[in-house]
Each structure stands twice: as C-alpha cells, then as structure tokens.
Amino acid sequence: MRIDPLRNALLATVDALHRRRADLVSESLIEAYVAAFWMEWAGGTLKLTETGQNICKQLRAAARVA
C-alpha cells in the first residue's frame, strides 16, 4: 500500500482505536501500518510507534493551518 492512503486514514484510524472501535478499521490497513512501523502490537493492543506519533502530530498541525 502506498503511503498517501495510509497518511490520509491515520487520524481516523487512531480515533477509531481510541474509541475502541477497531471493527471500523480494515485488517489490511492495520497490517500496512504495522509494516510501515507506524503502529505496533504491545500486549494485545495496537499502539502508535514514535514514527506514527510524529506523523499524527504533522497531520494535526497541517489541519490547524488549513
């Protein structure tokens, strides 16, 4: 999967996971985030890596400017 679709869906994915609605996120999208090292499994929970956290910060900053 290309990076642009991952980047475009990241904030919605993080929001769904925080709301405990992982059912709204496709398995292929989760696999792509893990493969890109943006997310990782930790104790049965999917969490953002440092890279994923930085990308979220960039996306939120860009949204505030737009």
PDB file of N, CA and C in Angstrom:
ATOM      1  N   MET A   1       0.852  -1.182   0.000  1.00  0.00           N
ATOM      2  CA  MET A   1       0.000   0.000   0.000  1.00  0.00           C
ATOM      3  C   MET A   1       0.892   1.238   0.000  1.00  0.00           C
ATOM      4  N   ARG A   2       0.470   2.229  -0.727  1.00  0.00           N
ATOM      5  CA  ARG A   2       1.235   3.481  -0.775  1.00  0.00           C
ATOM      6  C   ARG A   2       1.069   4.258   0.516  1.00  0.00           C
ATOM      7  N   ILE A   3       1.990   5.166   0.747  1.00  0.00           N
ATOM      8  CA  ILE A   3       1.999   5.952   1.984  1.00  0.00           C
ATOM      9  C   ILE A   3       0.842   6.954   2.036  1.00  0.00           C
ATOM     10  N   ASP A   4       0.489   7.575   0.916  1.00  0.00           N
ATOM     11  CA  ASP A   4      -0.570   8.590   0.928  1.00  0.00           C
ATOM     12  C   ASP A   4      -1.893   8.067   1.500  1.00  0.00           C
ATOM     13  N   PRO A   5      -2.375   6.901   1.061  1.00  0.00           N
ATOM     14  CA  PRO A   5      -3.621   6.402   1.667  1.00  0.00           C
ATOM     15  C   PRO A   5      -3.470   6.114   3.164  1.00  0.00           C
ATOM     16  N   LEU A   6      -2.305   5.649   3.562  1.00  0.00           N
ATOM     17  CA  LEU A   6      -2.065   5.408   4.985  1.00  0.00           C
ATOM     18  C   LEU A   6      -2.117   6.718   5.760  1.00  0.00           C
ATOM     19  N   ARG A   7      -1.431   7.706   5.242  1.00  0.00           N
ATOM     20  CA  ARG A   7      -1.396   9.025   5.895  1.00  0.00           C
ATOM     21  C   ARG A   7      -2.806   9.619   5.962  1.00  0.00           C
ATOM     22  N   ASN A   8      -3.557   9.493   4.884  1.00  0.00           N
ATOM     23  CA  ASN A   8      -4.902  10.077   4.836  1.00  0.00           C
ATOM     24  C   ASN A   8      -5.855   9.429   5.833  1.00  0.00           C
ATOM     25  N   ALA A   9      -5.641   8.168   6.148  1.00  0.00           N
ATOM     26  CA  ALA A   9      -6.551   7.449   7.038  1.00  0.00           C
ATOM     27  C   ALA A   9      -6.047   7.372   8.475  1.00  0.00           C
ATOM     28  N   LEU A  10      -4.846   7.852   8.747  1.00  0.00           N
ATOM     29  CA  LEU A  10      -4.236   7.641  10.060  1.00  0.00           C
ATOM     30  C   LEU A  10      -5.026   8.267  11.200  1.00  0.00           C
ATOM     31  N   LEU A  11      -5.417   9.514  11.088  1.00  0.00           N
ATOM     32  CA  LEU A  11      -6.117  10.169  12.198  1.00  0.00           C
ATOM     33  C   LEU A  11      -7.462   9.496  12.477  1.00  0.00           C
ATOM     34  N   ALA A  12      -8.169   9.107  11.439  1.00  0.00           N
ATOM     35  CA  ALA A  12      -9.444   8.406  11.629  1.00  0.00           C
ATOM     36  C   ALA A  12      -9.214   7.038  12.263  1.00  0.00           C
ATOM     37  N   THR A  13      -8.134   6.385  11.879  1.00  0.00           N
ATOM     38  CA  THR A  13      -7.801   5.083  12.457  1.00  0.00           C
ATOM     39  C   THR A  13      -7.475   5.226  13.933  1.00  0.00           C
ATOM     40  N   VAL A  14      -6.651   6.200  14.266  1.00  0.00           N
ATOM     41  CA  VAL A  14      -6.283   6.437  15.667  1.00  0.00           C
ATOM     42  C   VAL A  14      -7.533   6.774  16.483  1.00  0.00           C
ATOM     43  N   ASP A  15      -8.412   7.585  15.932  1.00  0.00           N
ATOM     44  CA  ASP A  15      -9.651   7.933  16.625  1.00  0.00           C
ATOM     45  C   ASP A  15     -10.506   6.689  16.864  1.00  0.00           C
ATOM     46  N   ALA A  16     -10.635   5.845  15.852  1.00  0.00           N
ATOM     47  CA  ALA A  16     -11.426   4.617  15.996  1.00  0.00           C
ATOM     48  C   ALA A  16     -10.829   3.707  17.071  1.00  0.00           C
ATOM     49  N   LEU A  17      -9.512   3.598  17.095  1.00  0.00           N
ATOM     50  CA  LEU A  17      -8.864   2.759  18.100  1.00  0.00           C
ATOM     51  C   LEU A  17      -9.038   3.327  19.506  1.00  0.00           C
ATOM     52  N   HIS A  18      -8.967   4.637  19.650  1.00  0.00           N
ATOM     53  CA  HIS A  18      -9.173   5.259  20.967  1.00  0.00           C
ATOM     54  C   HIS A  18     -10.603   5.066  21.451  1.00  0.00           C
ATOM     55  N   ARG A  19     -11.541   5.022  20.509  1.00  0.00           N
ATOM     56  CA  ARG A  19     -12.949   4.798  20.867  1.00  0.00           C
ATOM     57  C   ARG A  19     -13.271   3.311  20.997  1.00  0.00           C
ATOM     58  N   ARG A  20     -12.229   2.484  20.909  1.00  0.00           N
ATOM     59  CA  ARG A  20     -12.376   1.028  20.982  1.00  0.00           C
ATOM     60  C   ARG A  20     -13.300   0.504  19.892  1.00  0.00           C
ATOM     61  N   ARG A  21     -13.121   1.059  18.694  1.00  0.00           N
ATOM     62  CA  ARG A  21     -13.905   0.647  17.525  1.00  0.00           C
ATOM     63  C   ARG A  21     -12.982   0.131  16.425  1.00  0.00           C
ATOM     64  N   ALA A  22     -12.125  -0.805  16.793  1.00  0.00           N
ATOM     65  CA  ALA A  22     -11.203  -1.389  15.822  1.00  0.00           C
ATOM     66  C   ALA A  22     -11.956  -2.070  14.688  1.00  0.00           C
ATOM     67  N   ASP A  23     -13.217  -2.412  14.922  1.00  0.00           N
ATOM     68  CA  ASP A  23     -14.026  -3.034  13.872  1.00  0.00           C
ATOM     69  C   ASP A  23     -14.232  -2.102  12.682  1.00  0.00           C
ATOM     70  N   LEU A  24     -13.979  -0.803  12.872  1.00  0.00           N
ATOM     71  CA  LEU A  24     -14.128   0.164  11.777  1.00  0.00           C
ATOM     72  C   LEU A  24     -12.878   0.263  10.906  1.00  0.00           C
ATOM     73  N   VAL A  25     -11.807  -0.428  11.314  1.00  0.00           N
ATOM     74  CA  VAL A  25     -10.532  -0.357  10.604  1.00  0.00           C
ATOM     75  C   VAL A  25     -10.270  -1.716   9.958  1.00  0.00           C
ATOM     76  N   SER A  26      -9.985  -1.706   8.677  1.00  0.00           N
ATOM     77  CA  SER A  26      -9.751  -2.972   7.977  1.00  0.00           C
ATOM     78  C   SER A  26      -8.444  -3.623   8.428  1.00  0.00           C
ATOM     79  N   GLU A  27      -8.429  -4.940   8.368  1.00  0.00           N
ATOM     80  CA  GLU A  27      -7.218  -5.677   8.739  1.00  0.00           C
ATOM     81  C   GLU A  27      -6.055  -5.299   7.839  1.00  0.00           C
ATOM     82  N   SER A  28      -6.342  -5.089   6.550  1.00  0.00           N
ATOM     83  CA  SER A  28      -5.259  -4.747   5.618  1.00  0.00           C
ATOM     84  C   SER A  28      -4.655  -3.388   5.953  1.00  0.00           C
ATOM     85  N   LEU A  29      -5.459  -2.466   6.423  1.00  0.00           N
ATOM     86  CA  LEU A  29      -4.948  -1.153   6.816  1.00  0.00           C
ATOM     87  C   LEU A  29      -4.067  -1.281   8.061  1.00  0.00           C
ATOM     88  N   ILE A  30      -4.517  -2.063   9.017  1.00  0.00           N
ATOM     89  CA  ILE A  30      -3.710  -2.281  10.222  1.00  0.00           C
ATOM     90  C   ILE A  30      -2.393  -2.954   9.859  1.00  0.00           C
ATOM     91  N   GLU A  31      -2.449  -3.960   9.002  1.00  0.00           N
ATOM     92  CA  GLU A  31      -1.227  -4.642   8.571  1.00  0.00           C
ATOM     93  C   GLU A  31      -0.274  -3.677   7.884  1.00  0.00           C
ATOM     94  N   ALA A  32      -0.815  -2.759   7.092  1.00  0.00           N
ATOM     95  CA  ALA A  32       0.025  -1.783   6.400  1.00  0.00           C
ATOM     96  C   ALA A  32       0.685  -0.823   7.394  1.00  0.00           C
ATOM     97  N   TYR A  33      -0.054  -0.398   8.420  1.00  0.00           N
ATOM     98  CA  TYR A  33       0.533   0.473   9.440  1.00  0.00           C
ATOM     99  C   TYR A  33       1.648  -0.239  10.191  1.00  0.00           C
ATOM    100  N   VAL A  34       1.448  -1.501  10.521  1.00  0.00           N
ATOM    101  CA  VAL A  34       2.470  -2.270  11.221  1.00  0.00           C
ATOM    102  C   VAL A  34       3.688  -2.460  10.319  1.00  0.00           C
ATOM    103  N   ALA A  35       3.457  -2.771   9.051  1.00  0.00           N
ATOM    104  CA  ALA A  35       4.562  -2.960   8.095  1.00  0.00           C
ATOM    105  C   ALA A  35       5.355  -1.669   7.894  1.00  0.00           C
ATOM    106  N   ALA A  36       4.667  -0.527   7.962  1.00  0.00           N
ATOM    107  CA  ALA A  36       5.333   0.771   7.791  1.00  0.00           C
ATOM    108  C   ALA A  36       5.974   1.256   9.092  1.00  0.00           C
ATOM    109  N   PHE A  37       5.820   0.477  10.178  1.00  0.00           N
ATOM    110  CA  PHE A  37       6.349   0.834  11.505  1.00  0.00           C
ATOM    111  C   PHE A  37       5.693   2.083  12.075  1.00  0.00           C
ATOM    112  N   TRP A  38       4.435   2.312  11.713  1.00  0.00           N
ATOM    113  CA  TRP A  38       3.683   3.418  12.290  1.00  0.00           C
ATOM    114  C   TRP A  38       2.908   2.953  13.512  1.00  0.00           C
ATOM    115  N   MET A  39       2.612   1.625  13.568  1.00  0.00           N
ATOM    116  CA  MET A  39       1.911   1.033  14.694  1.00  0.00           C
ATOM    117  C   MET A  39       2.586  -0.278  15.039  1.00  0.00           C
ATOM    118  N   GLU A  40       2.352  -0.721  16.284  1.00  0.00           N
ATOM    119  CA  GLU A  40       2.905  -1.998  16.710  1.00  0.00           C
ATOM    120  C   GLU A  40       1.949  -2.628  17.720  1.00  0.00           C
ATOM    121  N   TRP A  41       2.046  -3.935  17.819  1.00  0.00           N
ATOM    122  CA  TRP A  41       1.263  -4.663  18.808  1.00  0.00           C
ATOM    123  C   TRP A  41       2.039  -4.675  20.108  1.00  0.00           C
ATOM    124  N   ALA A  42       1.380  -4.336  21.188  1.00  0.00           N
ATOM    125  CA  ALA A  42       2.010  -4.339  22.510  1.00  0.00           C
ATOM    126  C   ALA A  42       1.009  -4.922  23.505  1.00  0.00           C
ATOM    127  N   GLY A  43       1.267  -6.127  23.940  1.00  0.00           N
ATOM    128  CA  GLY A  43       0.367  -6.749  24.911  1.00  0.00           C
ATOM    129  C   GLY A  43      -1.044  -6.926  24.404  1.00  0.00           C
ATOM    130  N   GLY A  44      -1.199  -7.228  23.134  1.00  0.00           N
ATOM    131  CA  GLY A  44      -2.521  -7.423  22.551  1.00  0.00           C
ATOM    132  C   GLY A  44      -3.227  -6.140  22.164  1.00  0.00           C
ATOM    133  N   THR A  45      -2.550  -5.029  22.314  1.00  0.00           N
ATOM    134  CA  THR A  45      -3.122  -3.724  21.974  1.00  0.00           C
ATOM    135  C   THR A  45      -2.307  -3.092  20.855  1.00  0.00           C
ATOM    136  N   LEU A  46      -2.992  -2.500  19.932  1.00  0.00           N
ATOM    137  CA  LEU A  46      -2.319  -1.795  18.844  1.00  0.00           C
ATOM    138  C   LEU A  46      -2.028  -0.380  19.298  1.00  0.00           C
ATOM    139  N   LYS A  47      -0.760   0.037  19.182  1.00  0.00           N
ATOM    140  CA  LYS A  47      -0.403   1.399  19.602  1.00  0.00           C
ATOM    141  C   LYS A  47       0.507   2.038  18.562  1.00  0.00           C
ATOM    142  N   LEU A  48       0.526   3.349  18.585  1.00  0.00           N
ATOM    143  CA  LEU A  48       1.387   4.094  17.669  1.00  0.00           C
ATOM    144  C   LEU A  48       2.846   3.950  18.086  1.00  0.00           C
ATOM    145  N   THR A  49       3.702   3.832  17.097  1.00  0.00           N
ATOM    146  CA  THR A  49       5.133   3.898  17.360  1.00  0.00           C
ATOM    147  C   THR A  49       5.513   5.377  17.435  1.00  0.00           C
ATOM    148  N   GLU A  50       6.754   5.646  17.720  1.00  0.00           N
ATOM    149  CA  GLU A  50       7.215   7.039  17.734  1.00  0.00           C
ATOM    150  C   GLU A  50       7.033   7.674  16.358  1.00  0.00           C
ATOM    151  N   THR A  51       7.307   6.907  15.312  1.00  0.00           N
ATOM    152  CA  THR A  51       7.103   7.407  13.945  1.00  0.00           C
ATOM    153  C   THR A  51       5.634   7.741  13.721  1.00  0.00           C
ATOM    154  N   GLY A  52       4.745   6.841  14.129  1.00  0.00           N
ATOM    155  CA  GLY A  52       3.310   7.081  13.981  1.00  0.00           C
ATOM    156  C   GLY A  52       2.852   8.309  14.749  1.00  0.00           C
ATOM    157  N   GLN A  53       3.391   8.484  15.950  1.00  0.00           N
ATOM    158  CA  GLN A  53       3.058   9.661  16.747  1.00  0.00           C
ATOM    159  C   GLN A  53       3.504  10.938  16.051  1.00  0.00           C
ATOM    160  N   ASN A  54       4.697  10.921  15.471  1.00  0.00           N
ATOM    161  CA  ASN A  54       5.198  12.107  14.761  1.00  0.00           C
ATOM    162  C   ASN A  54       4.347  12.428  13.546  1.00  0.00           C
ATOM    163  N   ILE A  55       3.923  11.412  12.824  1.00  0.00           N
ATOM    164  CA  ILE A  55       3.086  11.646  11.643  1.00  0.00           C
ATOM    165  C   ILE A  55       1.741  12.218  12.076  1.00  0.00           C
ATOM    166  N   CYS A  56       1.171  11.717  13.163  1.00  0.00           N
ATOM    167  CA  CYS A  56      -0.089  12.277  13.680  1.00  0.00           C
ATOM    168  C   CYS A  56       0.080  13.751  14.034  1.00  0.00           C
ATOM    169  N   LYS A  57       1.187  14.089  14.679  1.00  0.00           N
ATOM    170  CA  LYS A  57       1.444  15.488  15.024  1.00  0.00           C
ATOM    171  C   LYS A  57       1.528  16.355  13.772  1.00  0.00           C
ATOM    172  N   GLN A  58       2.202  15.857  12.735  1.00  0.00           N
ATOM    173  CA  GLN A  58       2.302  16.602  11.482  1.00  0.00           C
ATOM    174  C   GLN A  58       0.934  16.810  10.854  1.00  0.00           C
ATOM    175  N   LEU A  59       0.115  15.755  10.866  1.00  0.00           N
ATOM    176  CA  LEU A  59      -1.208  15.846  10.264  1.00  0.00           C
ATOM    177  C   LEU A  59      -2.094  16.819  11.031  1.00  0.00           C
ATOM    178  N   ARG A  60      -2.032  16.772  12.350  1.00  0.00           N
ATOM    179  CA  ARG A  60      -2.842  17.692  13.155  1.00  0.00           C
ATOM    180  C   ARG A  60      -2.397  19.137  12.957  1.00  0.00           C
ATOM    181  N   ALA A  61      -1.080  19.355  12.861  1.00  0.00           N
ATOM    182  CA  ALA A  61      -0.570  20.708  12.624  1.00  0.00           C
ATOM    183  C   ALA A  61      -1.021  21.216  11.259  1.00  0.00           C
ATOM    184  N   ALA A  62      -0.955  20.356  10.257  1.00  0.00           N
ATOM    185  CA  ALA A  62      -1.382  20.740   8.909  1.00  0.00           C
ATOM    186  C   ALA A  62      -2.872  21.050   8.870  1.00  0.00           C
ATOM    187  N   ALA A  63      -3.664  20.325   9.648  1.00  0.00           N
ATOM    188  CA  ALA A  63      -5.110  20.560   9.682  1.00  0.00           C
ATOM    189  C   ALA A  63      -5.419  21.906  10.342  1.00  0.00           C
ATOM    190  N   ARG A  64      -4.621  22.289  11.346  1.00  0.00           N
ATOM    191  CA  ARG A  64      -4.843  23.579  12.001  1.00  0.00           C
ATOM    192  C   ARG A  64      -4.521  24.743  11.057  1.00  0.00           C
ATOM    193  N   VAL A  65      -3.538  24.554  10.202  1.00  0.00           N
ATOM    194  CA  VAL A  65      -3.127  25.608   9.285  1.00  0.00           C
ATOM    195  C   VAL A  65      -4.131  25.763   8.150  1.00  0.00           C
ATOM    196  N   ALA A  66      -4.713  24.653   7.721  1.00  0.00           N
ATOM    197  CA  ALA A  66      -5.635  24.673   6.563  1.00  0.00           C
ATOM    198  C   ALA A  66      -6.952  25.284   6.886  1.00  0.00           C
TER     199      ALA A  66
END
